[in-house]
Every structure is written in C-alpha cells, then in structure tokens.
Amino acid sequence: MNIKDYISSGVIESYVLGQLSDQECAELKVLAKLHPEIKAEIESVEETMMTFASKTPPAKLKQNILSKLDIKETKVIPLETKNSSFPFLLVAASVTLLIVSGI
C-alpha cells in the first residue's frame, strides 16, 4: 500500500467528519498505529477542521449569499369568496318538500 496515495484519498477527512463506516474506522485506526504518517495526518486534519469551525464568518456573508440568490417576494393574491345562496336554497327546498308531503 502506498501511504501517500492513501493519505490523499480523502479517507482521513471522511474519518474526521464521521462519514466512515465502523469497519472503515477500525481499519484506519489500525493503519494509524502501524504508520506514523497516517496518525500525523489525522491529527493535522482534526486541527485544521477545528480551526475552520472556530472562525466566525463575516457579518455580511449571509446578506451577500441571499442577494446572489435573487430571491423575490411572491405576491400574495387574496382569494375572493363568493357568498353562495345554495345552502339556504337547499334548506328551503327541504322544508318545502316536508310541508308539501304532509309530515
């Protein structure tokens, strides 16, 4: 196995981000014990990730991203409800039918 190719494969970054399966994690831990270069790279990637995570993004970053997305507000059109006399006519027809039938 070529250690440099393994280090540059992205496996270590995936390990630090928690994206490896249990089996892949176990394999990497064994390799880290056997190869000091791999162990050093794991520590380096962890340190780099912590450095990036601890930095606060610029205050205008969110505004810049949203302005580039060109999100436009959608116009809300209120629905007009029509007053229907159908329910009233239905009740009136039922009452008329009852009266005519003699109940």
C-alpha atoms as a PDB file:
ATOM      1  CA  MET A   1       0.000   0.000   0.000  1.00  0.00           C
ATOM      2  CA  ASN A   2       1.243   3.453  -0.903  1.00  0.00           C
ATOM      3  CA  ILE A   3       0.859   5.611   2.198  1.00  0.00           C
ATOM      4  CA  LYS A   4       0.905   8.921   0.296  1.00  0.00           C
ATOM      5  CA  ASP A   5      -1.883   7.766  -2.018  1.00  0.00           C
ATOM      6  CA  TYR A   6      -3.906   6.585   0.969  1.00  0.00           C
ATOM      7  CA  ILE A   7      -3.459   9.915   2.742  1.00  0.00           C
ATOM      8  CA  SER A   8      -4.509  11.870  -0.351  1.00  0.00           C
ATOM      9  CA  SER A   9      -7.534   9.629  -0.998  1.00  0.00           C
ATOM     10  CA  GLY A  10      -9.813  11.618   1.328  1.00  0.00           C
ATOM     11  CA  VAL A  11     -10.365   8.746   3.748  1.00  0.00           C
ATOM     12  CA  ILE A  12      -8.823  10.659   6.632  1.00  0.00           C
ATOM     13  CA  GLU A  13     -11.042  13.685   6.033  1.00  0.00           C
ATOM     14  CA  SER A  14     -14.088  11.411   5.911  1.00  0.00           C
ATOM     15  CA  TYR A  15     -12.943   9.820   9.174  1.00  0.00           C
ATOM     16  CA  VAL A  16     -12.594  13.167  10.920  1.00  0.00           C
ATOM     17  CA  LEU A  17     -16.049  14.212   9.665  1.00  0.00           C
ATOM     18  CA  GLY A  18     -17.549  10.944  10.924  1.00  0.00           C
ATOM     19  CA  GLN A  19     -18.550   9.702   7.477  1.00  0.00           C
ATOM     20  CA  LEU A  20     -16.869   6.296   7.545  1.00  0.00           C
ATOM     21  CA  SER A  21     -18.484   3.000   8.417  1.00  0.00           C
ATOM     22  CA  ASP A  22     -17.469   1.197  11.599  1.00  0.00           C
ATOM     23  CA  GLN A  23     -15.314  -1.203   9.592  1.00  0.00           C
ATOM     24  CA  GLU A  24     -13.527   1.613   7.750  1.00  0.00           C
ATOM     25  CA  CYS A  25     -12.911   3.416  11.058  1.00  0.00           C
ATOM     26  CA  ALA A  26     -11.405   0.274  12.553  1.00  0.00           C
ATOM     27  CA  GLU A  27      -9.143  -0.191   9.516  1.00  0.00           C
ATOM     28  CA  LEU A  28      -7.960   3.409   9.700  1.00  0.00           C
ATOM     29  CA  LYS A  29      -7.189   3.118  13.418  1.00  0.00           C
ATOM     30  CA  VAL A  30      -5.075   0.016  12.757  1.00  0.00           C
ATOM     31  CA  LEU A  31      -3.247   1.778   9.922  1.00  0.00           C
ATOM     32  CA  ALA A  32      -2.665   4.826  12.145  1.00  0.00           C
ATOM     33  CA  LYS A  33      -0.972   2.597  14.725  1.00  0.00           C
ATOM     34  CA  LEU A  34       1.218   0.997  12.055  1.00  0.00           C
ATOM     35  CA  HIS A  35       2.091   4.165  10.107  1.00  0.00           C
ATOM     36  CA  PRO A  36       3.051   7.353  11.969  1.00  0.00           C
ATOM     37  CA  GLU A  37       2.436   9.377   8.780  1.00  0.00           C
ATOM     38  CA  ILE A  38      -1.249   8.445   8.832  1.00  0.00           C
ATOM     39  CA  LYS A  39      -1.548   9.262  12.536  1.00  0.00           C
ATOM     40  CA  ALA A  40       0.114  12.635  11.957  1.00  0.00           C
ATOM     41  CA  GLU A  41      -2.235  13.362   9.055  1.00  0.00           C
ATOM     42  CA  ILE A  42      -5.297  12.519  11.179  1.00  0.00           C
ATOM     43  CA  GLU A  43      -4.090  14.951  13.842  1.00  0.00           C
ATOM     44  CA  SER A  44      -3.384  17.603  11.208  1.00  0.00           C
ATOM     45  CA  VAL A  45      -6.835  17.273   9.638  1.00  0.00           C
ATOM     46  CA  GLU A  46      -8.509  17.387  13.070  1.00  0.00           C
ATOM     47  CA  GLU A  47      -6.600  20.549  13.928  1.00  0.00           C
ATOM     48  CA  THR A  48      -7.472  22.140  10.579  1.00  0.00           C
ATOM     49  CA  MET A  49     -11.161  21.298  10.993  1.00  0.00           C
ATOM     50  CA  MET A  50     -11.177  22.782  14.490  1.00  0.00           C
ATOM     51  CA  THR A  51      -9.551  25.956  13.181  1.00  0.00           C
ATOM     52  CA  PHE A  52     -12.171  26.343  10.448  1.00  0.00           C
ATOM     53  CA  ALA A  53     -15.028  25.583  12.827  1.00  0.00           C
ATOM     54  CA  SER A  54     -13.861  28.153  15.359  1.00  0.00           C
ATOM     55  CA  LYS A  55     -13.805  31.047  12.879  1.00  0.00           C
ATOM     56  CA  THR A  56     -16.816  33.340  12.748  1.00  0.00           C
ATOM     57  CA  PRO A  57     -17.966  34.141   9.215  1.00  0.00           C
ATOM     58  CA  PRO A  58     -18.122  37.803   8.169  1.00  0.00           C
ATOM     59  CA  ALA A  59     -21.309  39.584   9.202  1.00  0.00           C
ATOM     60  CA  LYS A  60     -22.333  40.391   5.623  1.00  0.00           C
ATOM     61  CA  LEU A  61     -21.843  36.848   4.332  1.00  0.00           C
ATOM     62  CA  LYS A  62     -25.481  35.820   4.766  1.00  0.00           C
ATOM     63  CA  GLN A  63     -26.713  39.013   3.106  1.00  0.00           C
ATOM     64  CA  ASN A  64     -24.306  38.518   0.185  1.00  0.00           C
ATOM     65  CA  ILE A  65     -25.466  34.940  -0.350  1.00  0.00           C
ATOM     66  CA  LEU A  66     -29.137  35.881  -0.202  1.00  0.00           C
ATOM     67  CA  SER A  67     -28.661  38.761  -2.629  1.00  0.00           C
ATOM     68  CA  LYS A  68     -26.917  36.474  -5.107  1.00  0.00           C
ATOM     69  CA  LEU A  69     -29.791  34.017  -4.916  1.00  0.00           C
ATOM     70  CA  ASP A  70     -32.062  36.817  -6.167  1.00  0.00           C
ATOM     71  CA  ILE A  71     -34.978  35.731  -4.050  1.00  0.00           C
ATOM     72  CA  LYS A  72     -38.040  37.731  -4.930  1.00  0.00           C
ATOM     73  CA  GLU A  73     -41.018  38.039  -2.684  1.00  0.00           C
ATOM     74  CA  THR A  74     -44.050  36.391  -4.145  1.00  0.00           C
ATOM     75  CA  LYS A  75     -47.137  38.468  -4.494  1.00  0.00           C
ATOM     76  CA  VAL A  76     -49.971  37.179  -2.371  1.00  0.00           C
ATOM     77  CA  ILE A  77     -53.313  37.396  -4.101  1.00  0.00           C
ATOM     78  CA  PRO A  78     -56.238  37.090  -1.712  1.00  0.00           C
ATOM     79  CA  LEU A  79     -58.915  34.659  -2.771  1.00  0.00           C
ATOM     80  CA  GLU A  80     -62.362  36.111  -3.121  1.00  0.00           C
ATOM     81  CA  THR A  81     -65.065  34.044  -1.556  1.00  0.00           C
ATOM     82  CA  LYS A  82     -68.439  34.203  -3.197  1.00  0.00           C
ATOM     83  CA  ASN A  83     -71.444  34.195  -0.958  1.00  0.00           C
ATOM     84  CA  SER A  84     -73.447  31.353  -2.301  1.00  0.00           C
ATOM     85  CA  SER A  85     -77.136  31.042  -1.586  1.00  0.00           C
ATOM     86  CA  PHE A  86     -77.021  27.323  -2.387  1.00  0.00           C
ATOM     87  CA  PRO A  87     -77.079  26.114   1.255  1.00  0.00           C
ATOM     88  CA  PHE A  88     -80.021  28.382   2.005  1.00  0.00           C
ATOM     89  CA  LEU A  89     -81.888  27.149  -1.077  1.00  0.00           C
ATOM     90  CA  LEU A  90     -81.185  23.550  -0.104  1.00  0.00           C
ATOM     91  CA  VAL A  91     -82.694  24.073   3.357  1.00  0.00           C
ATOM     92  CA  ALA A  92     -85.669  25.948   1.907  1.00  0.00           C
ATOM     93  CA  ALA A  93     -86.316  23.185  -0.622  1.00  0.00           C
ATOM     94  CA  SER A  94     -86.133  20.556   2.132  1.00  0.00           C
ATOM     95  CA  VAL A  95     -88.614  22.451   4.316  1.00  0.00           C
ATOM     96  CA  THR A  96     -90.945  22.977   1.342  1.00  0.00           C
ATOM     97  CA  LEU A  97     -90.759  19.288   0.483  1.00  0.00           C
ATOM     98  CA  LEU A  98     -91.625  18.356   4.073  1.00  0.00           C
ATOM     99  CA  ILE A  99     -94.593  20.723   4.121  1.00  0.00           C
ATOM    100  CA  VAL A 100     -95.894  19.510   0.757  1.00  0.00           C
ATOM    101  CA  SER A 101     -95.533  15.858   1.725  1.00  0.00           C
ATOM    102  CA  GLY A 102     -97.641  16.460   4.824  1.00  0.00           C
ATOM    103  CA  ILE A 103     -95.261  15.412   7.566  1.00  0.00           C
END
